[in-house]
């Protein structure tokens, strides 16, 4: 091979190498960004199944004690400290579980109720009114999202408390009322977080979350904008529909910005068919990834 041939050969090889490197760099840059979180919807769904396996989680029941111990183990394994706010309201035991990473006051509280309703009095079969509600969506879905956030939220976020409220779901039953746990929390723990987000009934396989009319408007718009950016516009519908009495209510009454994320179009609400097959990992992911991203953005804005 002549010197000229060698030069031409090396020139061709160089051109091919440059083209290959250029294509590789372009392909890397043009790849879609990875999911913004490690939030695992399948793991959250497994948590729904676990909770339902405990049976009814009515205050004072065996299932209630089992879920408390299970949540303690899960939260402590994820690096959170757990406190129990134990008291009585209307003569009933109330035990809120408060998960923290440190002793500082929270800037954000994420909450869900972990109790279940003792009577399925919305069931289409009146013969089943006296049976307990399994609570796969109404109770377990919100807890599952909070537990998965406990496992995956970065440690350097703004200070967050995860609060698992007791005795939310037995209103319209003699001797009980709604939201006993959250009222106990607000009345007896002096805090001024900048935001409280309650998740309730957010696992429906056909998820349709409308903006709730009583919730803080600015906070609602903020979270719905994050959901939209993540591609969850079909799940987080940018329209108002329901006015809810839920665990966000006592916070609003105390002047604290709060909202509830809830799909109240759930056809199995307070029925014996509120079971895990009515819940989906995809729905849990839509809510969990939205909240994960929203919390992280609060940290970036500080």
Protein backbone atom coordinates (compact mmCIF):
# COMPACT_ATOMS: atom_id res chain seq x y z
CA UNK A 1 0.00 0.00 0.00
CA UNK A 2 1.42 3.38 -0.98
CA UNK A 3 1.73 6.33 1.38
CA UNK A 4 -1.10 8.02 -0.52
CA UNK A 5 -3.33 4.94 -0.10
CA UNK A 6 -2.57 4.82 3.62
CA UNK A 7 -3.47 8.50 3.98
CA UNK A 8 -6.77 7.99 2.12
CA UNK A 9 -7.56 4.90 4.23
CA UNK A 10 -6.87 6.72 7.50
CA UNK A 11 -8.96 9.67 6.32
CA UNK A 12 -11.93 7.38 5.58
CA UNK A 13 -11.58 5.62 8.94
CA UNK A 14 -11.44 8.98 10.71
CA UNK A 15 -14.55 10.19 8.95
CA UNK A 16 -16.44 7.01 9.84
CA UNK A 17 -15.31 7.26 13.45
CA UNK A 18 -16.40 10.90 13.68
CA UNK A 19 -19.78 10.06 12.16
CA UNK A 20 -20.23 7.15 14.56
CA UNK A 21 -19.37 9.27 17.59
CA UNK A 22 -21.64 12.04 16.36
CA UNK A 23 -24.55 9.64 15.89
CA UNK A 24 -23.95 8.14 19.35
CA UNK A 25 -23.90 11.57 20.99
CA UNK A 26 -27.07 12.57 19.15
CA UNK A 27 -28.85 9.36 20.15
CA UNK A 28 -27.96 9.93 23.80
CA UNK A 29 -29.22 13.51 23.73
CA UNK A 30 -32.39 12.61 21.88
CA UNK A 31 -33.43 9.81 24.25
CA UNK A 32 -36.46 10.65 26.42
CA UNK A 33 -35.58 11.59 29.98
CA UNK A 34 -35.92 8.75 32.47
CA UNK A 35 -38.86 8.75 34.86
CA UNK A 36 -38.28 11.47 37.47
CA UNK A 37 -38.71 9.13 40.42
CA UNK A 38 -38.02 5.69 41.73
CA UNK A 39 -41.66 5.49 42.83
CA UNK A 40 -42.75 1.90 42.16
CA UNK A 41 -46.47 1.52 41.48
CA UNK A 42 -46.26 -2.26 41.62
CA UNK A 43 -44.70 -2.12 45.07
CA UNK A 44 -47.42 0.32 46.17
CA UNK A 45 -50.06 -2.04 44.79
CA UNK A 46 -48.55 -4.89 46.83
CA UNK A 47 -48.94 -2.64 49.88
CA UNK A 48 -52.65 -2.31 49.08
CA UNK A 49 -52.99 -6.08 49.01
CA UNK A 50 -51.11 -6.42 52.29
CA UNK A 51 -53.37 -3.96 54.06
CA UNK A 52 -56.55 -5.65 52.87
CA UNK A 53 -55.15 -9.01 54.02
CA UNK A 54 -55.20 -7.67 57.58
CA UNK A 55 -58.98 -7.50 57.44
CA UNK A 56 -61.02 -4.51 58.66
CA UNK A 57 -58.83 -1.72 60.08
CA UNK A 58 -61.53 -0.26 62.35
CA UNK A 59 -60.10 1.49 65.45
CA UNK A 60 -59.69 -1.04 68.24
CA UNK A 61 -59.78 -4.07 65.90
CA UNK A 62 -57.14 -6.75 65.36
CA UNK A 63 -56.60 -5.53 61.79
CA UNK A 64 -56.03 -2.01 63.10
CA UNK A 65 -53.26 -3.26 65.40
CA UNK A 66 -51.70 -5.30 62.60
CA UNK A 67 -51.52 -2.42 60.15
CA UNK A 68 -49.95 -0.17 62.77
CA UNK A 69 -47.15 -2.63 63.42
CA UNK A 70 -46.64 -3.24 59.70
CA UNK A 71 -46.44 0.49 58.94
CA UNK A 72 -43.97 0.94 61.79
CA UNK A 73 -41.65 -1.69 60.33
CA UNK A 74 -41.94 -0.30 56.79
CA UNK A 75 -41.33 3.31 57.82
CA UNK A 76 -38.42 2.58 60.13
CA UNK A 77 -36.83 0.38 57.46
CA UNK A 78 -37.04 3.37 55.12
CA UNK A 79 -35.23 5.59 57.64
CA UNK A 80 -38.16 7.41 59.23
CA UNK A 81 -38.89 7.82 62.93
CA UNK A 82 -42.43 7.00 64.01
CA UNK A 83 -44.49 8.65 66.72
CA UNK A 84 -48.02 7.71 67.77
CA UNK A 85 -50.43 10.44 68.80
CA UNK A 86 -52.83 8.46 71.00
CA UNK A 87 -55.99 9.99 72.41
CA UNK A 88 -59.76 9.66 72.56
CA UNK A 89 -62.50 11.50 70.71
CA UNK A 90 -66.19 10.88 71.30
CA UNK A 91 -65.04 8.16 73.69
CA UNK A 92 -63.30 6.30 70.85
CA UNK A 93 -59.56 5.49 70.65
CA UNK A 94 -57.71 7.53 68.05
CA UNK A 95 -54.10 6.83 67.10
CA UNK A 96 -52.44 8.94 64.43
CA UNK A 97 -49.06 7.74 63.15
CA UNK A 98 -46.54 10.50 62.44
CA UNK A 99 -43.42 9.71 60.41
CA UNK A 100 -40.48 12.15 60.52
CA UNK A 101 -36.87 12.24 59.42
CA UNK A 102 -35.81 14.73 62.09
CA UNK A 103 -37.18 16.83 64.94
CA UNK A 104 -37.69 20.01 62.89
CA UNK A 105 -41.20 21.26 62.18
CA UNK A 106 -42.50 20.23 58.76
CA UNK A 107 -42.82 22.54 55.80
CA UNK A 108 -45.04 19.98 54.08
CA UNK A 109 -47.41 17.38 55.54
CA UNK A 110 -48.53 14.51 53.33
CA UNK A 111 -51.45 12.63 54.86
CA UNK A 112 -53.80 9.69 54.35
CA UNK A 113 -56.21 7.79 56.59
CA UNK A 114 -55.46 4.17 57.39
CA UNK A 115 -58.72 3.14 59.09
CA UNK A 116 -61.64 1.54 57.25
CA UNK A 117 -65.40 1.92 57.50
CA UNK A 118 -67.19 -0.55 59.75
CA UNK A 119 -70.37 -0.75 57.64
CA UNK A 120 -70.76 -1.12 53.86
CA UNK A 121 -73.88 1.06 53.89
CA UNK A 122 -73.48 2.18 50.28
CA UNK A 123 -73.55 -1.35 48.90
CA UNK A 124 -76.22 -1.98 46.24
CA UNK A 125 -77.19 -5.10 48.20
CA UNK A 126 -78.83 -3.91 51.43
CA UNK A 127 -78.22 -7.34 52.98
CA UNK A 128 -74.51 -6.44 53.05
CA UNK A 129 -74.91 -3.14 54.91
CA UNK A 130 -73.68 -4.67 58.14
CA UNK A 131 -70.46 -6.01 56.64
CA UNK A 132 -67.17 -4.08 56.95
CA UNK A 133 -65.61 -2.31 53.96
CA UNK A 134 -62.35 -3.97 52.80
CA UNK A 135 -60.93 -0.51 52.03
CA UNK A 136 -58.57 -1.29 49.14
CA UNK A 137 -59.10 2.15 47.64
CA UNK A 138 -60.76 3.95 50.55
CA UNK A 139 -57.87 3.79 52.96
CA UNK A 140 -55.22 1.42 51.61
CA UNK A 141 -54.43 3.33 48.39
CA UNK A 142 -53.47 6.53 50.19
CA UNK A 143 -51.37 4.65 52.74
CA UNK A 144 -49.62 2.76 49.93
CA UNK A 145 -48.67 5.99 48.15
CA UNK A 146 -47.28 7.51 51.36
CA UNK A 147 -45.26 4.40 52.17
CA UNK A 148 -43.73 4.32 48.71
CA UNK A 149 -42.90 8.02 49.03
CA UNK A 150 -41.24 7.20 52.35
CA UNK A 151 -38.99 4.73 50.54
CA UNK A 152 -38.14 6.96 47.57
CA UNK A 153 -38.16 10.65 48.53
CA UNK A 154 -34.61 12.06 48.58
CA UNK A 155 -33.30 12.85 52.05
CA UNK A 156 -32.41 16.44 51.11
CA UNK A 157 -35.96 17.62 50.36
CA UNK A 158 -37.76 20.28 52.35
CA UNK A 159 -38.77 18.85 55.70
CA UNK A 160 -41.74 16.52 55.22
CA UNK A 161 -43.95 14.69 57.70
CA UNK A 162 -46.01 11.70 56.61
CA UNK A 163 -49.12 11.49 58.76
CA UNK A 164 -51.39 8.45 58.78
CA UNK A 165 -54.70 9.59 60.22
CA UNK A 166 -56.96 7.35 62.24
CA UNK A 167 -60.76 7.36 62.55
CA UNK A 168 -61.55 9.23 59.35
CA UNK A 169 -64.16 7.01 57.80
CA UNK A 170 -67.02 6.25 60.23
CA UNK A 171 -69.22 9.32 60.00
CA UNK A 172 -73.00 8.91 59.84
CA UNK A 173 -72.69 6.08 62.37
CA UNK A 174 -74.06 6.54 65.88
CA UNK A 175 -71.35 7.57 68.33
CA UNK A 176 -68.86 8.40 65.56
CA UNK A 177 -68.04 11.28 63.23
CA UNK A 178 -65.83 11.94 60.23
CA UNK A 179 -62.17 13.04 60.45
CA UNK A 180 -61.62 12.37 64.15
CA UNK A 181 -57.90 11.73 63.71
CA UNK A 182 -57.10 14.83 61.68
CA UNK A 183 -59.12 17.01 64.07
CA UNK A 184 -57.17 15.62 66.98
CA UNK A 185 -53.92 16.32 65.16
CA UNK A 186 -54.74 19.93 64.26
CA UNK A 187 -56.13 20.81 67.69
CA UNK A 188 -53.27 19.36 69.73
CA UNK A 189 -50.10 19.75 67.64
CA UNK A 190 -49.21 23.40 67.06
CA UNK A 191 -47.78 23.60 63.55
CA UNK A 192 -47.84 25.98 60.60
CA UNK A 193 -46.72 24.00 57.56
CA UNK A 194 -46.80 25.84 54.27
CA UNK A 195 -48.82 23.04 52.64
CA UNK A 196 -50.85 19.97 53.59
CA UNK A 197 -51.72 17.40 50.92
CA UNK A 198 -54.20 14.62 51.69
CA UNK A 199 -54.53 11.61 49.40
CA UNK A 200 -57.72 9.55 49.63
CA UNK A 201 -59.23 7.05 47.19
CA UNK A 202 -56.54 7.55 44.56
CA UNK A 203 -56.10 3.94 43.38
CA UNK A 204 -59.20 3.52 41.19
CA UNK A 205 -58.20 1.62 38.04
CA UNK A 206 -60.29 4.17 36.12
CA UNK A 207 -58.72 7.21 37.76
CA UNK A 208 -60.46 10.57 37.39
CA UNK A 209 -59.26 13.14 39.93
CA UNK A 210 -61.06 16.46 39.71
CA UNK A 211 -60.06 19.59 41.55
CA UNK A 212 -61.88 19.75 44.88
CA UNK A 213 -63.85 22.92 45.55
CA UNK A 214 -62.88 23.43 49.22
CA UNK A 215 -59.15 22.93 48.68
CA UNK A 216 -56.59 25.73 48.54
CA UNK A 217 -56.72 27.00 44.95
CA UNK A 218 -53.07 27.96 44.51
CA UNK A 219 -51.85 24.66 45.94
CA UNK A 220 -54.27 22.72 43.75
CA UNK A 221 -53.15 24.53 40.60
CA UNK A 222 -49.51 23.91 41.49
CA UNK A 223 -49.92 20.14 41.82
CA UNK A 224 -52.18 19.82 38.79
CA UNK A 225 -49.53 21.64 36.72
CA UNK A 226 -46.91 19.09 37.79
CA UNK A 227 -49.23 16.22 36.90
CA UNK A 228 -49.83 17.78 33.48
CA UNK A 229 -46.09 18.10 32.81
CA UNK A 230 -45.60 14.43 33.73
CA UNK A 231 -48.28 13.34 31.28
CA UNK A 232 -51.08 12.68 33.76
CA UNK A 233 -53.63 15.15 32.46
CA UNK A 234 -56.14 12.35 31.86
CA UNK A 235 -55.92 11.36 35.53
CA UNK A 236 -55.69 14.88 37.01
CA UNK A 237 -58.61 16.59 35.30
CA UNK A 238 -58.27 20.42 35.38
CA UNK A 239 -61.90 21.02 36.33
CA UNK A 240 -63.71 21.45 39.65
CA UNK A 241 -66.39 18.94 40.58
CA UNK A 242 -66.86 17.88 44.22
CA UNK A 243 -66.92 19.61 47.61
CA UNK A 244 -65.51 17.18 50.15
CA UNK A 245 -65.35 16.86 53.92
CA UNK A 246 -62.05 15.03 54.40
CA UNK A 247 -58.84 15.15 56.42
CA UNK A 248 -57.85 18.45 54.77
CA UNK A 249 -60.88 20.18 56.35
CA UNK A 250 -59.49 20.72 59.89
CA UNK A 251 -56.31 22.22 58.40
CA UNK A 252 -58.29 24.64 56.23
CA UNK A 253 -60.36 25.65 59.24
CA UNK A 254 -57.10 26.42 61.06
CA UNK A 255 -55.94 28.68 58.19
CA UNK A 256 -53.36 26.23 56.83
CA UNK A 257 -53.19 25.79 53.02
CA UNK A 258 -54.45 22.28 52.33
CA UNK A 259 -56.02 20.18 49.62
CA UNK A 260 -57.37 16.70 49.09
CA UNK A 261 -56.50 14.62 46.05
CA UNK A 262 -59.49 12.29 45.67
CA UNK A 263 -61.40 10.42 42.98
CA UNK A 264 -64.94 10.46 44.31
CA UNK A 265 -66.38 8.88 41.16
CA UNK A 266 -65.39 5.50 42.59
CA UNK A 267 -68.41 3.17 42.20
CA UNK A 268 -67.31 0.83 45.02
CA UNK A 269 -67.16 3.50 47.73
CA UNK A 270 -68.37 2.08 51.06
CA UNK A 271 -69.24 -1.29 49.53
CA UNK A 272 -67.93 -4.80 50.08
CA UNK A 273 -66.43 -4.67 46.59
CA UNK A 274 -63.77 -2.11 47.51
CA UNK A 275 -61.10 -4.77 46.98
CA UNK A 276 -57.64 -4.79 45.35
CA UNK A 277 -58.81 -5.79 41.88
CA UNK A 278 -60.55 -2.39 41.64
CA UNK A 279 -57.18 -0.67 42.16
CA UNK A 280 -54.26 -0.38 39.72
CA UNK A 281 -50.52 0.14 40.03
CA UNK A 282 -50.72 2.69 37.20
CA UNK A 283 -53.12 4.89 39.15
CA UNK A 284 -50.95 4.70 42.26
CA UNK A 285 -47.94 5.66 40.12
CA UNK A 286 -49.70 8.66 38.59
CA UNK A 287 -50.40 10.13 42.03
CA UNK A 288 -47.15 9.01 43.64
CA UNK A 289 -44.88 10.33 40.89
CA UNK A 290 -46.76 13.62 40.81
CA UNK A 291 -46.31 14.14 44.55
CA UNK A 292 -42.68 12.99 44.43
CA UNK A 293 -41.88 15.54 41.75
CA UNK A 294 -43.84 18.29 43.48
CA UNK A 295 -42.01 17.78 46.78
CA UNK A 296 -38.61 17.77 45.07
CA UNK A 297 -39.48 21.02 43.27
CA UNK A 298 -40.29 22.65 46.60
CA UNK A 299 -36.74 21.85 47.66
CA UNK A 300 -35.32 23.37 44.47
CA UNK A 301 -37.28 26.58 45.00
CA UNK A 302 -35.85 27.16 48.48
